[in-house]
């Protein structure tokens, strides 16, 4: 296990985590826009901010929207290439349309295995952010829509549709279903039909990584039942993927079910015996009393 040193900087709201063998420190937890002017973040934030020019016509329409009751949460990873690209652009856009800075909440999350897509103070709790960056738009404190990882059309066009409450489906269309099923208790129902749920979102899924991301998020957030259900759905949709069975092995292991973990690791190795990480986990389980 790597030793991690926690160093508070800037205001009390901001914490930068320095880890051994990590090229850049991570910006985690609630942060301020001014924090991006510090090294090493300014190296990617400032060029992205300066070089982005929102469509003038769409910008003008955004300025006409009534945003008095609107607030935005931005969940990002300072380690994430998508965040480094989209976050500066969104901040530039919001500045251009005179959106109040005090109505923007910035939350940095981690990418470590044990704190996957989480902030130290768990400000991400309940937000169900499976991809970063995620831009969540609220009206009077209630979410009306979000932009997942990258825009469908452009940041300004997507935001305009959300503010106008026009039909808008963000990237990774399965996530809205998963959030609803979580609220309804389907993902924790012992009798749920994994294939039945999977078939409902089969055409919404771009790749196996979509459900894998959701599964690991819930797994490391303490919701093992939801994680197992989502990962079983993923296996139903991608039965020839060694990776999805390896993920199921991880989930069963964290859930304390060593025997089931061994079964899933065995299946993963049948499909791809060359994955050293899976082989190591499998061998370790076989040697543990």
Protein backbone atom coordinates (compact mmCIF):
# COMPACT_ATOMS: atom_id res chain seq x y z
CA UNK A 1 0.00 0.00 0.00
CA UNK A 2 1.32 3.44 -0.90
CA UNK A 3 1.78 5.94 1.85
CA UNK A 4 -0.36 9.05 1.32
CA UNK A 5 0.40 12.48 2.72
CA UNK A 6 -2.50 14.89 3.14
CA UNK A 7 -1.64 18.57 2.88
CA UNK A 8 -4.26 21.35 3.26
CA UNK A 9 -3.73 24.43 1.06
CA UNK A 10 -5.57 27.60 0.01
CA UNK A 11 -8.78 28.08 2.02
CA UNK A 12 -10.30 25.53 4.38
CA UNK A 13 -12.57 24.41 1.56
CA UNK A 14 -9.75 22.98 -0.52
CA UNK A 15 -7.54 19.98 0.03
CA UNK A 16 -4.77 18.78 -2.27
CA UNK A 17 -3.65 15.19 -1.81
CA UNK A 18 0.00 14.35 -2.53
CA UNK A 19 0.75 10.68 -3.09
CA UNK A 20 4.09 8.99 -3.57
CA UNK A 21 4.88 8.20 -7.21
CA UNK A 22 2.05 10.47 -8.39
CA UNK A 23 3.24 13.08 -10.93
CA UNK A 24 0.70 15.73 -9.95
CA UNK A 25 -1.20 16.29 -6.70
CA UNK A 26 -4.94 15.69 -6.87
CA UNK A 27 -7.39 18.48 -6.22
CA UNK A 28 -10.06 16.88 -4.03
CA UNK A 29 -13.20 17.99 -2.26
CA UNK A 30 -14.94 21.37 -2.54
CA UNK A 31 -12.68 23.82 -4.40
CA UNK A 32 -12.78 27.38 -5.73
CA UNK A 33 -12.32 28.52 -9.31
CA UNK A 34 -9.21 30.40 -8.20
CA UNK A 35 -7.58 27.10 -7.21
CA UNK A 36 -7.13 26.30 -10.88
CA UNK A 37 -4.73 29.22 -11.16
CA UNK A 38 -2.24 27.32 -9.03
CA UNK A 39 0.37 24.91 -10.42
CA UNK A 40 0.01 22.33 -11.83
CA UNK A 41 -3.65 22.91 -12.66
CA UNK A 42 -3.10 26.20 -14.47
CA UNK A 43 -1.06 24.33 -17.08
CA UNK A 44 -4.21 22.73 -18.50
CA UNK A 45 -6.94 24.98 -17.12
CA UNK A 46 -5.81 28.33 -18.53
CA UNK A 47 -5.19 27.22 -22.15
CA UNK A 48 -8.51 25.37 -22.17
CA UNK A 49 -10.30 28.41 -20.78
CA UNK A 50 -8.64 30.93 -23.08
CA UNK A 51 -8.90 28.92 -26.29
CA UNK A 52 -12.60 28.07 -26.04
CA UNK A 53 -15.03 30.36 -27.84
CA UNK A 54 -18.71 29.59 -27.23
CA UNK A 55 -21.03 29.94 -30.21
CA UNK A 56 -22.09 33.63 -30.09
CA UNK A 57 -25.68 32.95 -31.16
CA UNK A 58 -26.18 30.25 -28.51
CA UNK A 59 -24.40 32.37 -25.93
CA UNK A 60 -26.85 35.21 -26.62
CA UNK A 61 -29.80 32.85 -26.12
CA UNK A 62 -28.34 31.57 -22.85
CA UNK A 63 -28.08 35.12 -21.56
CA UNK A 64 -31.81 35.52 -22.11
CA UNK A 65 -32.67 32.55 -19.87
CA UNK A 66 -33.98 33.19 -16.38
CA UNK A 67 -31.40 31.52 -14.15
CA UNK A 68 -32.48 33.05 -10.84
CA UNK A 69 -33.44 29.62 -9.46
CA UNK A 70 -30.65 27.70 -11.21
CA UNK A 71 -27.51 26.31 -9.60
CA UNK A 72 -24.84 23.97 -10.97
CA UNK A 73 -22.64 21.33 -9.39
CA UNK A 74 -19.52 20.31 -11.28
CA UNK A 75 -17.91 17.04 -10.24
CA UNK A 76 -14.50 16.59 -11.83
CA UNK A 77 -11.18 14.79 -11.57
CA UNK A 78 -8.01 16.87 -11.75
CA UNK A 79 -6.36 13.63 -12.96
CA UNK A 80 -8.93 13.09 -15.73
CA UNK A 81 -8.35 14.05 -19.37
CA UNK A 82 -12.06 14.66 -20.01
CA UNK A 83 -12.24 16.98 -16.99
CA UNK A 84 -9.16 18.85 -18.13
CA UNK A 85 -10.82 19.44 -21.48
CA UNK A 86 -14.45 20.18 -20.54
CA UNK A 87 -14.17 21.91 -17.14
CA UNK A 88 -12.28 25.01 -18.36
CA UNK A 89 -14.68 25.31 -21.29
CA UNK A 90 -17.75 25.15 -19.06
CA UNK A 91 -16.30 27.71 -16.67
CA UNK A 92 -15.59 29.99 -19.63
CA UNK A 93 -19.16 29.57 -20.88
CA UNK A 94 -20.71 30.26 -17.48
CA UNK A 95 -18.55 33.36 -17.12
CA UNK A 96 -19.57 34.59 -20.57
CA UNK A 97 -23.29 34.30 -19.82
CA UNK A 98 -22.79 36.04 -16.44
CA UNK A 99 -23.86 33.03 -14.41
CA UNK A 100 -23.22 33.86 -10.72
CA UNK A 101 -20.03 32.27 -9.41
CA UNK A 102 -21.66 31.64 -6.02
CA UNK A 103 -24.16 29.32 -7.68
CA UNK A 104 -21.42 27.03 -8.99
CA UNK A 105 -20.20 24.22 -6.74
CA UNK A 106 -16.94 22.52 -7.72
CA UNK A 107 -16.17 19.07 -6.28
CA UNK A 108 -12.95 17.19 -7.01
CA UNK A 109 -13.08 13.40 -6.75
CA UNK A 110 -10.41 10.71 -6.54
CA UNK A 111 -9.50 7.84 -8.87
CA UNK A 112 -7.92 5.50 -6.32
CA UNK A 113 -9.46 2.02 -6.12
CA UNK A 114 -10.83 2.44 -2.61
CA UNK A 115 -12.18 5.98 -3.18
CA UNK A 116 -13.30 5.65 -6.80
CA UNK A 117 -15.15 8.83 -7.92
CA UNK A 118 -15.37 10.00 -4.29
CA UNK A 119 -14.34 13.15 -2.48
CA UNK A 120 -12.78 12.92 1.01
CA UNK A 121 -15.80 14.52 2.69
CA UNK A 122 -18.21 12.53 0.50
CA UNK A 123 -19.71 15.66 -1.03
CA UNK A 124 -20.40 13.34 -3.99
CA UNK A 125 -22.76 11.19 -1.91
CA UNK A 126 -26.12 10.77 -3.58
CA UNK A 127 -25.01 12.44 -6.80
CA UNK A 128 -24.36 9.10 -8.59
CA UNK A 129 -21.49 10.43 -10.64
CA UNK A 130 -20.13 7.52 -12.67
CA UNK A 131 -18.15 9.62 -15.16
CA UNK A 132 -16.21 12.82 -14.78
CA UNK A 133 -16.71 15.57 -15.40
CA UNK A 134 -20.43 15.65 -14.65
CA UNK A 135 -22.30 18.96 -14.80
CA UNK A 136 -25.50 18.75 -12.75
CA UNK A 137 -28.08 21.49 -13.28
CA UNK A 138 -30.57 22.24 -10.49
CA UNK A 139 -33.69 24.36 -10.30
CA UNK A 140 -34.61 25.34 -6.74
CA UNK A 141 -32.31 22.59 -5.51
CA UNK A 142 -33.88 19.83 -7.62
CA UNK A 143 -31.88 18.29 -10.46
CA UNK A 144 -33.40 18.92 -13.87
CA UNK A 145 -30.68 17.28 -15.98
CA UNK A 146 -26.95 16.75 -16.32
CA UNK A 147 -24.14 16.57 -18.86
CA UNK A 148 -22.15 13.35 -18.49
CA UNK A 149 -18.43 13.50 -19.27
CA UNK A 150 -18.80 15.43 -22.55
CA UNK A 151 -21.59 17.27 -24.37
CA UNK A 152 -23.95 15.58 -26.79
CA UNK A 153 -23.78 18.56 -29.17
CA UNK A 154 -21.77 21.32 -27.50
CA UNK A 155 -21.64 22.62 -23.96
CA UNK A 156 -23.62 25.73 -24.82
CA UNK A 157 -26.24 23.89 -26.89
CA UNK A 158 -26.66 21.17 -24.27
CA UNK A 159 -26.96 23.72 -21.45
CA UNK A 160 -29.53 25.73 -23.41
CA UNK A 161 -31.69 22.63 -23.94
CA UNK A 162 -31.48 21.80 -20.24
CA UNK A 163 -32.43 25.33 -19.15
CA UNK A 164 -35.31 25.38 -21.63
CA UNK A 165 -36.36 21.93 -20.39
CA UNK A 166 -36.32 20.62 -23.91
CA UNK A 167 -35.84 16.93 -24.61
CA UNK A 168 -32.27 16.16 -23.72
CA UNK A 169 -30.63 12.80 -23.08
CA UNK A 170 -27.03 13.01 -21.81
CA UNK A 171 -24.31 10.59 -22.82
CA UNK A 172 -24.35 7.14 -21.17
CA UNK A 173 -28.10 6.77 -21.37
CA UNK A 174 -28.22 3.80 -19.00
CA UNK A 175 -27.34 5.92 -15.99
CA UNK A 176 -30.74 7.59 -15.72
CA UNK A 177 -32.34 4.15 -15.60
CA UNK A 178 -29.89 2.94 -12.97
CA UNK A 179 -30.58 5.93 -10.73
CA UNK A 180 -34.32 5.39 -11.02
CA UNK A 181 -34.02 1.66 -10.36
CA UNK A 182 -31.88 2.39 -7.32
CA UNK A 183 -34.62 4.68 -5.93
CA UNK A 184 -37.27 2.04 -6.62
CA UNK A 185 -35.27 -0.68 -4.88
CA UNK A 186 -34.86 -2.87 -7.95
CA UNK A 187 -31.07 -3.00 -7.68
CA UNK A 188 -31.23 -4.42 -4.15
CA UNK A 189 -34.04 -6.91 -4.82
CA UNK A 190 -32.74 -10.45 -4.33
CA UNK A 191 -35.25 -11.80 -6.88
CA UNK A 192 -34.51 -9.34 -9.65
CA UNK A 193 -34.03 -10.66 -13.19
CA UNK A 194 -30.62 -9.39 -14.31
CA UNK A 195 -31.30 -10.15 -17.95
CA UNK A 196 -34.70 -8.48 -17.80
CA UNK A 197 -33.15 -5.25 -16.55
CA UNK A 198 -30.23 -5.56 -18.95
CA UNK A 199 -32.54 -5.94 -21.93
CA UNK A 200 -34.31 -2.69 -21.03
CA UNK A 201 -31.10 -0.70 -21.44
CA UNK A 202 -29.28 -2.86 -23.98
CA UNK A 203 -29.58 -0.22 -26.70
CA UNK A 204 -28.61 2.61 -24.34
CA UNK A 205 -25.18 1.22 -23.53
CA UNK A 206 -22.14 2.32 -25.49
CA UNK A 207 -19.70 -0.29 -24.12
CA UNK A 208 -19.13 -2.64 -21.20
CA UNK A 209 -17.22 0.10 -19.37
CA UNK A 210 -20.47 2.04 -18.90
CA UNK A 211 -22.01 -0.40 -16.44
CA UNK A 212 -18.60 -1.34 -15.05
CA UNK A 213 -18.08 2.26 -13.95
CA UNK A 214 -21.44 2.33 -12.17
CA UNK A 215 -20.76 -1.01 -10.53
CA UNK A 216 -17.40 0.04 -9.11
CA UNK A 217 -18.79 3.38 -7.96
CA UNK A 218 -21.47 1.68 -5.86
CA UNK A 219 -19.10 -1.07 -4.77
CA UNK A 220 -16.69 1.46 -3.27
CA UNK A 221 -19.51 3.60 -1.92
CA UNK A 222 -20.77 0.78 0.29
CA UNK A 223 -23.74 -0.33 -1.82
CA UNK A 224 -22.58 -3.85 -2.66
CA UNK A 225 -26.05 -5.11 -3.61
CA UNK A 226 -26.55 -2.45 -6.28
CA UNK A 227 -23.00 -3.01 -7.50
CA UNK A 228 -23.51 -6.76 -7.85
CA UNK A 229 -26.79 -6.31 -9.71
CA UNK A 230 -25.29 -3.86 -12.19
CA UNK A 231 -22.22 -6.03 -12.75
CA UNK A 232 -24.42 -9.11 -13.25
CA UNK A 233 -26.38 -7.12 -15.83
CA UNK A 234 -23.11 -6.27 -17.52
CA UNK A 235 -22.12 -9.93 -17.65
CA UNK A 236 -25.51 -10.76 -19.16
CA UNK A 237 -24.89 -8.23 -21.92
CA UNK A 238 -21.20 -9.08 -22.42
CA UNK A 239 -20.86 -12.81 -21.66
CA UNK A 240 -17.59 -13.12 -23.57
CA UNK A 241 -15.75 -10.38 -21.70
CA UNK A 242 -13.11 -11.48 -19.23
CA UNK A 243 -13.14 -8.01 -17.70
CA UNK A 244 -16.78 -8.12 -16.59
CA UNK A 245 -16.22 -11.45 -14.80
CA UNK A 246 -13.09 -10.09 -13.16
CA UNK A 247 -15.20 -7.17 -11.92
CA UNK A 248 -17.80 -9.57 -10.55
CA UNK A 249 -15.01 -11.40 -8.76
CA UNK A 250 -13.90 -8.13 -7.16
CA UNK A 251 -17.47 -7.38 -6.10
CA UNK A 252 -18.03 -10.81 -4.58
CA UNK A 253 -14.70 -10.60 -2.78
CA UNK A 254 -15.58 -7.24 -1.26
CA UNK A 255 -18.97 -8.68 -0.32
CA UNK A 256 -17.18 -11.42 1.64
CA UNK A 257 -18.10 -14.26 -0.70
CA UNK A 258 -14.76 -15.91 -1.44
CA UNK A 259 -16.27 -18.97 -3.17
CA UNK A 260 -18.27 -16.91 -5.64
CA UNK A 261 -15.26 -14.67 -6.26
CA UNK A 262 -13.20 -17.73 -7.21
CA UNK A 263 -15.90 -18.85 -9.66
CA UNK A 264 -15.95 -15.48 -11.42
CA UNK A 265 -12.15 -15.20 -11.54
CA UNK A 266 -12.03 -18.70 -13.03
CA UNK A 267 -14.52 -17.64 -15.71
CA UNK A 268 -12.47 -14.53 -16.45
CA UNK A 269 -9.32 -16.63 -16.86
CA UNK A 270 -11.09 -19.07 -19.18
CA UNK A 271 -11.94 -16.16 -21.43
CA UNK A 272 -8.51 -14.52 -21.15
CA UNK A 273 -5.82 -16.46 -19.28
CA UNK A 274 -3.19 -13.80 -19.97
CA UNK A 275 -4.47 -11.14 -17.55
CA UNK A 276 -1.86 -11.18 -14.79
CA UNK A 277 -3.93 -9.16 -12.32
CA UNK A 278 -6.77 -11.69 -12.46
CA UNK A 279 -4.34 -14.59 -12.16
CA UNK A 280 -2.75 -13.03 -9.09
CA UNK A 281 -6.09 -12.49 -7.35
CA UNK A 282 -7.21 -16.00 -8.21
CA UNK A 283 -4.01 -17.63 -6.92
CA UNK A 284 -4.14 -15.59 -3.73
CA UNK A 285 -7.67 -16.79 -2.99
CA UNK A 286 -6.70 -20.40 -3.56
CA UNK A 287 -3.82 -20.16 -1.10
CA UNK A 288 -5.75 -18.34 1.65
CA UNK A 289 -7.05 -20.67 4.35
